[in-house]
Amino acid sequence: MDNNEIPETQPLTLAEGSSNRSESDSESGDGDGVDYSGHFLTNEVFPSFEDVVLWAQNVCRPLGFMLVKASYKTDRSGRPYRYVEYVRVVNGWKLSCLNGTHNHSLVVYPEGHRQISGLSIAAKQVVRDMTQAQVPPRHIMRTLVEKFPGDHPNIRHVYNCRSKIRMEQFEGREVVHQVIHLARQSKYLTWVFTDSNNVLQHAFMAHPIMTNLLRTYPYVIGMDSTYKTNRYDMPFFEIVGVTPTNQNFLVAYAFMRLESQESYRWVLEVVDRSS
């Protein structure tokens, strides 16, 4: 938001309570009875409205509050929500605290509130390191609860962080390109077939160790394809070999556009070339 579009005074409220309440409100027993005004005392002049809001949010989070912008709204009992106020001065913005005491009960589970829960920078680094070590999300969650209880983490935070890490690893590549990139990075043998419009039709991947096993034990091969395993509805085709001791090994796998005779012929010809 541009500073020119912001009024001279901006009222804000804490989602967990606080307002301009009377003595009768104080005697009602709502809230925790603690005055938090001292945490918001500052003479600093902030260069922009966004900077002062960010400062106030950083103060609120360790206290377990959510800072929500409001326009003198009232709750069901008619109490006005007005907690802190941002005032435009000559050189920027200043903050003043109107009332620092809650006017209603606090939430029981802060994990469900975005501003007062979430992963800190240190916690995200732990998720990154443990994800690279192939640690399951449930174990990552347990570690975060022990090391960063103040972040109020939940399992959704872990999943979202892991998703962002994967997207960073894509480096702008599409999903299919990323799969081929990871296969080649892991020294897999890869073959890709596209049509005249450069649309992927078939993709074949096999590890060199598995193809060497196929050369040694080429007598029994099992093949099967699965459906609806990806967003592109491309059948996933697996080729499995069998050793003389009745142990299976994965020879290769492929994505095919259709389960047609031409598709199977292409995959089998690639298997023959790779082995």
Protein backbone atom coordinates (compact mmCIF):
# COMPACT_ATOMS: atom_id res chain seq x y z
CA MET A 1 0.00 0.00 0.00
CA ASP A 2 1.38 3.41 -0.91
CA ASN A 3 1.90 5.85 1.97
CA ASN A 4 -0.12 8.50 0.18
CA GLU A 5 -3.17 6.23 0.29
CA ILE A 6 -2.95 5.64 4.04
CA PRO A 7 -4.91 7.90 6.39
CA GLU A 8 -3.07 9.93 9.01
CA THR A 9 -4.16 7.47 11.72
CA GLN A 10 -4.45 3.71 11.42
CA PRO A 11 -6.14 1.70 14.23
CA LEU A 12 -5.18 -1.95 14.63
CA THR A 13 -6.32 -4.69 16.96
CA LEU A 14 -5.01 -7.92 18.37
CA ALA A 15 -7.06 -10.91 17.30
CA GLU A 16 -6.63 -12.40 20.75
CA GLY A 17 -8.31 -9.40 22.38
CA SER A 18 -7.60 -5.94 23.79
CA SER A 19 -9.69 -2.85 23.23
CA ASN A 20 -10.70 0.43 24.88
CA ARG A 21 -12.63 -1.28 27.63
CA SER A 22 -14.23 0.21 30.71
CA GLU A 23 -13.81 -0.81 34.36
CA SER A 24 -16.89 -3.00 34.08
CA ASP A 25 -15.19 -4.83 31.26
CA SER A 26 -12.12 -5.40 33.45
CA GLU A 27 -14.29 -6.92 36.17
CA SER A 28 -15.95 -9.36 33.76
CA GLY A 29 -13.07 -11.81 34.10
CA ASP A 30 -12.39 -12.14 30.37
CA GLY A 31 -8.81 -12.25 29.06
CA ASP A 32 -5.72 -12.89 31.15
CA GLY A 33 -5.73 -9.59 33.08
CA VAL A 34 -2.21 -8.69 31.92
CA ASP A 35 -1.35 -5.26 30.54
CA TYR A 36 0.97 -5.66 27.52
CA SER A 37 1.35 -1.94 26.80
CA GLY A 38 5.00 -1.92 27.85
CA HIS A 39 5.96 -4.15 24.94
CA PHE A 40 4.74 -1.56 22.45
CA LEU A 41 6.46 1.52 23.90
CA THR A 42 8.86 2.95 21.34
CA ASN A 43 9.98 6.39 20.17
CA GLU A 44 11.28 5.05 16.87
CA VAL A 45 10.08 6.76 13.71
CA PHE A 46 9.52 4.19 10.96
CA PRO A 47 10.10 5.17 7.33
CA SER A 48 6.94 3.50 6.01
CA PHE A 49 3.61 2.11 7.16
CA GLU A 50 4.74 -1.43 6.27
CA ASP A 51 7.81 -1.08 8.52
CA VAL A 52 5.84 -0.09 11.60
CA VAL A 53 3.32 -2.89 11.01
CA LEU A 54 6.15 -5.39 10.68
CA TRP A 55 7.70 -4.14 13.92
CA ALA A 56 4.41 -4.53 15.78
CA GLN A 57 3.87 -8.02 14.35
CA ASN A 58 7.34 -9.07 15.51
CA VAL A 59 6.45 -7.83 19.01
CA CYS A 60 3.14 -9.68 19.00
CA ARG A 61 4.37 -13.07 17.88
CA PRO A 62 6.52 -13.96 20.93
CA LEU A 63 3.58 -12.88 23.11
CA GLY A 64 1.25 -15.27 21.29
CA PHE A 65 -0.92 -12.60 19.65
CA MET A 66 -2.11 -11.94 16.13
CA LEU A 67 -2.10 -8.36 14.87
CA VAL A 68 -5.12 -7.71 12.66
CA LYS A 69 -5.99 -4.50 10.88
CA ALA A 70 -9.47 -3.28 11.83
CA SER A 71 -11.73 -0.24 11.48
CA TYR A 72 -13.26 0.28 14.94
CA LYS A 73 -15.22 -2.97 14.68
CA THR A 74 -17.02 -4.42 17.69
CA ASP A 75 -17.42 -7.95 18.95
CA ARG A 76 -20.71 -9.65 19.79
CA SER A 77 -20.93 -7.89 23.13
CA GLY A 78 -20.51 -4.47 21.50
CA ARG A 79 -16.99 -3.83 22.76
CA PRO A 80 -14.85 -1.86 20.34
CA TYR A 81 -11.62 -3.46 19.15
CA ARG A 82 -8.91 -0.82 19.16
CA TYR A 83 -5.50 -1.77 20.50
CA VAL A 84 -2.63 0.11 18.86
CA GLU A 85 -2.61 3.13 16.60
CA TYR A 86 -0.21 4.21 13.87
CA VAL A 87 0.21 7.96 13.49
CA ARG A 88 1.70 9.71 10.44
CA VAL A 89 4.42 12.20 11.39
CA VAL A 90 6.67 14.43 9.30
CA ASN A 91 9.49 11.92 8.86
CA GLY A 92 7.44 8.71 8.77
CA TRP A 93 5.23 6.74 11.13
CA LYS A 94 5.04 6.33 14.91
CA LEU A 95 3.18 3.81 17.03
CA SER A 96 1.14 4.44 20.15
CA CYS A 97 -0.57 1.88 22.39
CA LEU A 98 -4.16 2.73 23.31
CA ASN A 99 -4.89 -0.18 25.64
CA GLY A 100 -2.78 -3.19 26.52
CA THR A 101 -5.25 -5.48 28.29
CA HIS A 102 -7.30 -8.23 26.70
CA ASN A 103 -11.07 -7.95 26.64
CA HIS A 104 -11.89 -11.59 25.86
CA SER A 105 -10.57 -15.07 26.43
CA LEU A 106 -7.38 -16.20 24.72
CA VAL A 107 -7.30 -18.98 22.16
CA VAL A 108 -6.41 -22.43 23.43
CA TYR A 109 -4.54 -23.71 20.39
CA PRO A 110 -2.27 -21.11 18.72
CA GLU A 111 -1.20 -23.64 16.06
CA GLY A 112 -4.21 -22.74 13.94
CA HIS A 113 -3.33 -19.05 13.61
CA ARG A 114 -0.94 -18.08 10.85
CA GLN A 115 0.69 -15.04 12.44
CA ILE A 116 1.52 -16.66 15.78
CA SER A 117 2.47 -20.05 14.42
CA GLY A 118 4.85 -21.07 11.70
CA LEU A 119 8.44 -22.05 11.19
CA SER A 120 11.28 -19.69 11.99
CA ILE A 121 14.37 -19.46 9.79
CA ALA A 122 16.24 -21.88 12.05
CA ALA A 123 13.34 -24.34 12.03
CA LYS A 124 13.14 -24.21 8.22
CA GLN A 125 16.84 -25.03 8.04
CA VAL A 126 16.21 -28.07 10.25
CA VAL A 127 13.42 -29.18 7.90
CA ARG A 128 15.74 -28.71 4.91
CA ASP A 129 18.56 -30.73 6.49
CA MET A 130 16.30 -33.54 7.66
CA THR A 131 14.51 -33.68 4.31
CA GLN A 132 17.82 -34.10 2.53
CA ALA A 133 18.58 -36.94 4.97
CA GLN A 134 15.30 -38.65 3.90
CA VAL A 135 13.74 -38.25 7.36
CA PRO A 136 9.93 -38.79 7.34
CA PRO A 137 7.74 -35.72 8.07
CA ARG A 138 6.41 -37.15 11.33
CA HIS A 139 9.95 -37.39 12.74
CA ILE A 140 10.72 -33.88 11.49
CA MET A 141 7.61 -32.65 13.28
CA ARG A 142 8.70 -34.28 16.51
CA THR A 143 12.11 -32.62 16.30
CA LEU A 144 10.59 -29.18 15.67
CA VAL A 145 8.26 -29.48 18.66
CA GLU A 146 11.25 -30.30 20.89
CA LYS A 147 13.63 -27.64 19.54
CA PHE A 148 11.25 -24.81 18.60
CA PRO A 149 8.15 -24.95 20.85
CA GLY A 150 7.71 -21.19 20.49
CA ASP A 151 6.99 -21.58 16.77
CA HIS A 152 3.84 -23.62 17.54
CA PRO A 153 4.53 -25.89 14.54
CA ASN A 154 2.08 -28.37 13.09
CA ILE A 155 2.45 -31.04 10.43
CA ARG A 156 1.04 -28.76 7.72
CA HIS A 157 3.96 -26.37 8.26
CA VAL A 158 6.35 -29.27 7.64
CA TYR A 159 4.58 -30.33 4.44
CA ASN A 160 4.46 -26.76 3.12
CA CYS A 161 8.13 -26.19 3.87
CA ARG A 162 9.12 -29.45 2.17
CA SER A 163 7.04 -28.47 -0.86
CA LYS A 164 8.80 -25.10 -1.11
CA ILE A 165 12.18 -26.83 -0.86
CA ARG A 166 11.25 -29.14 -3.74
CA MET A 167 10.07 -26.21 -5.84
CA GLU A 168 13.39 -24.45 -5.22
CA GLN A 169 15.20 -27.53 -6.49
CA PHE A 170 13.19 -27.40 -9.73
CA GLU A 171 15.03 -24.19 -10.72
CA GLY A 172 12.22 -23.27 -13.10
CA ARG A 173 11.90 -26.71 -14.68
CA GLU A 174 8.54 -28.37 -15.26
CA VAL A 175 7.67 -31.54 -13.34
CA VAL A 176 8.51 -33.88 -16.22
CA HIS A 177 11.78 -32.10 -16.89
CA GLN A 178 12.64 -32.36 -13.20
CA VAL A 179 12.06 -36.13 -13.21
CA ILE A 180 14.39 -36.57 -16.19
CA HIS A 181 16.91 -34.19 -14.63
CA LEU A 182 17.01 -36.16 -11.36
CA ALA A 183 17.33 -39.45 -13.25
CA ARG A 184 20.28 -38.19 -15.25
CA GLN A 185 21.80 -36.65 -12.15
CA SER A 186 21.68 -40.09 -10.51
CA LYS A 187 23.43 -41.64 -13.55
CA TYR A 188 20.32 -43.38 -14.85
CA LEU A 189 20.09 -44.40 -18.49
CA THR A 190 17.31 -42.27 -19.98
CA TRP A 191 15.50 -42.20 -23.31
CA VAL A 192 12.80 -39.68 -24.20
CA PHE A 193 10.47 -39.73 -27.17
CA THR A 194 8.53 -36.63 -28.23
CA ASP A 195 6.18 -35.87 -31.09
CA SER A 196 6.52 -33.18 -33.76
CA ASN A 197 5.21 -30.54 -31.30
CA ASN A 198 7.87 -31.50 -28.73
CA VAL A 199 5.23 -33.04 -26.46
CA LEU A 200 6.46 -35.94 -24.37
CA GLN A 201 5.14 -39.31 -25.51
CA HIS A 202 7.40 -41.81 -23.71
CA ALA A 203 10.13 -41.55 -21.07
CA PHE A 204 12.32 -44.51 -20.13
CA MET A 205 14.70 -44.76 -17.14
CA ALA A 206 16.95 -47.61 -15.99
CA HIS A 207 19.88 -47.81 -13.60
CA PRO A 208 23.11 -49.30 -15.05
CA ILE A 209 23.40 -51.83 -12.21
CA MET A 210 19.94 -53.16 -13.00
CA THR A 211 20.70 -53.46 -16.71
CA ASN A 212 23.85 -55.43 -15.82
CA LEU A 213 21.69 -57.78 -13.74
CA LEU A 214 19.39 -58.17 -16.72
CA ARG A 215 22.33 -59.23 -18.87
CA THR A 216 23.19 -61.84 -16.26
CA TYR A 217 19.64 -63.08 -15.69
CA PRO A 218 17.63 -62.41 -18.88
CA TYR A 219 15.47 -65.52 -18.71
CA VAL A 220 12.39 -64.35 -16.77
CA ILE A 221 10.97 -60.84 -17.10
CA GLY A 222 7.74 -59.48 -15.67
CA MET A 223 5.98 -56.40 -17.03
CA ASP A 224 3.04 -54.43 -15.68
CA SER A 225 1.58 -50.96 -15.93
CA THR A 226 -0.41 -48.90 -13.42
CA TYR A 227 -3.05 -46.25 -13.98
CA LYS A 228 -3.83 -42.80 -12.53
CA THR A 229 -0.46 -42.47 -10.83
CA ASN A 230 0.25 -38.94 -12.07
CA ARG A 231 -1.51 -35.76 -13.12
CA TYR A 232 -0.88 -36.45 -16.81
CA ASP A 233 -2.76 -39.80 -16.79
CA MET A 234 0.21 -41.50 -18.40
CA PRO A 235 0.47 -45.24 -17.66
CA PHE A 236 3.50 -46.11 -15.52
CA PHE A 237 5.17 -49.21 -16.95
CA GLU A 238 7.52 -51.36 -14.84
CA ILE A 239 9.84 -54.15 -15.94
CA VAL A 240 11.01 -56.61 -13.31
CA GLY A 241 13.59 -59.38 -13.60
CA VAL A 242 13.97 -62.57 -11.55
CA THR A 243 17.20 -64.16 -10.30
CA PRO A 244 17.74 -67.94 -9.97
CA THR A 245 17.13 -67.56 -6.24
CA ASN A 246 13.61 -66.17 -6.94
CA GLN A 247 14.50 -62.62 -5.96
CA ASN A 248 13.03 -59.78 -8.00
CA PHE A 249 14.92 -56.74 -9.22
CA LEU A 250 13.60 -53.65 -10.97
CA VAL A 251 15.04 -53.50 -14.47
CA ALA A 252 13.51 -50.24 -15.67
CA TYR A 253 10.38 -48.13 -15.70
CA ALA A 254 8.75 -45.90 -18.23
CA PHE A 255 5.96 -43.41 -18.73
CA MET A 256 3.87 -44.03 -21.85
CA ARG A 257 1.33 -41.81 -23.52
CA LEU A 258 -0.98 -44.74 -24.35
CA GLU A 259 -1.07 -48.48 -23.81
CA SER A 260 -0.70 -49.25 -27.47
CA GLN A 261 1.31 -51.75 -29.45
CA GLU A 262 3.64 -48.99 -30.64
CA SER A 263 4.26 -47.84 -27.06
CA TYR A 264 5.17 -51.30 -25.85
CA ARG A 265 7.37 -51.88 -28.88
CA TRP A 266 9.27 -48.65 -28.22
CA VAL A 267 9.86 -49.53 -24.55
CA LEU A 268 11.04 -53.08 -25.31
CA GLU A 269 13.37 -51.86 -28.03
CA VAL A 270 14.92 -49.42 -25.55
CA VAL A 271 15.30 -52.22 -23.00
CA ASP A 272 17.12 -54.29 -25.61
CA ARG A 273 19.44 -51.39 -26.43
CA SER A 274 20.16 -50.58 -22.79
CA SER A 275 21.06 -54.18 -21.93
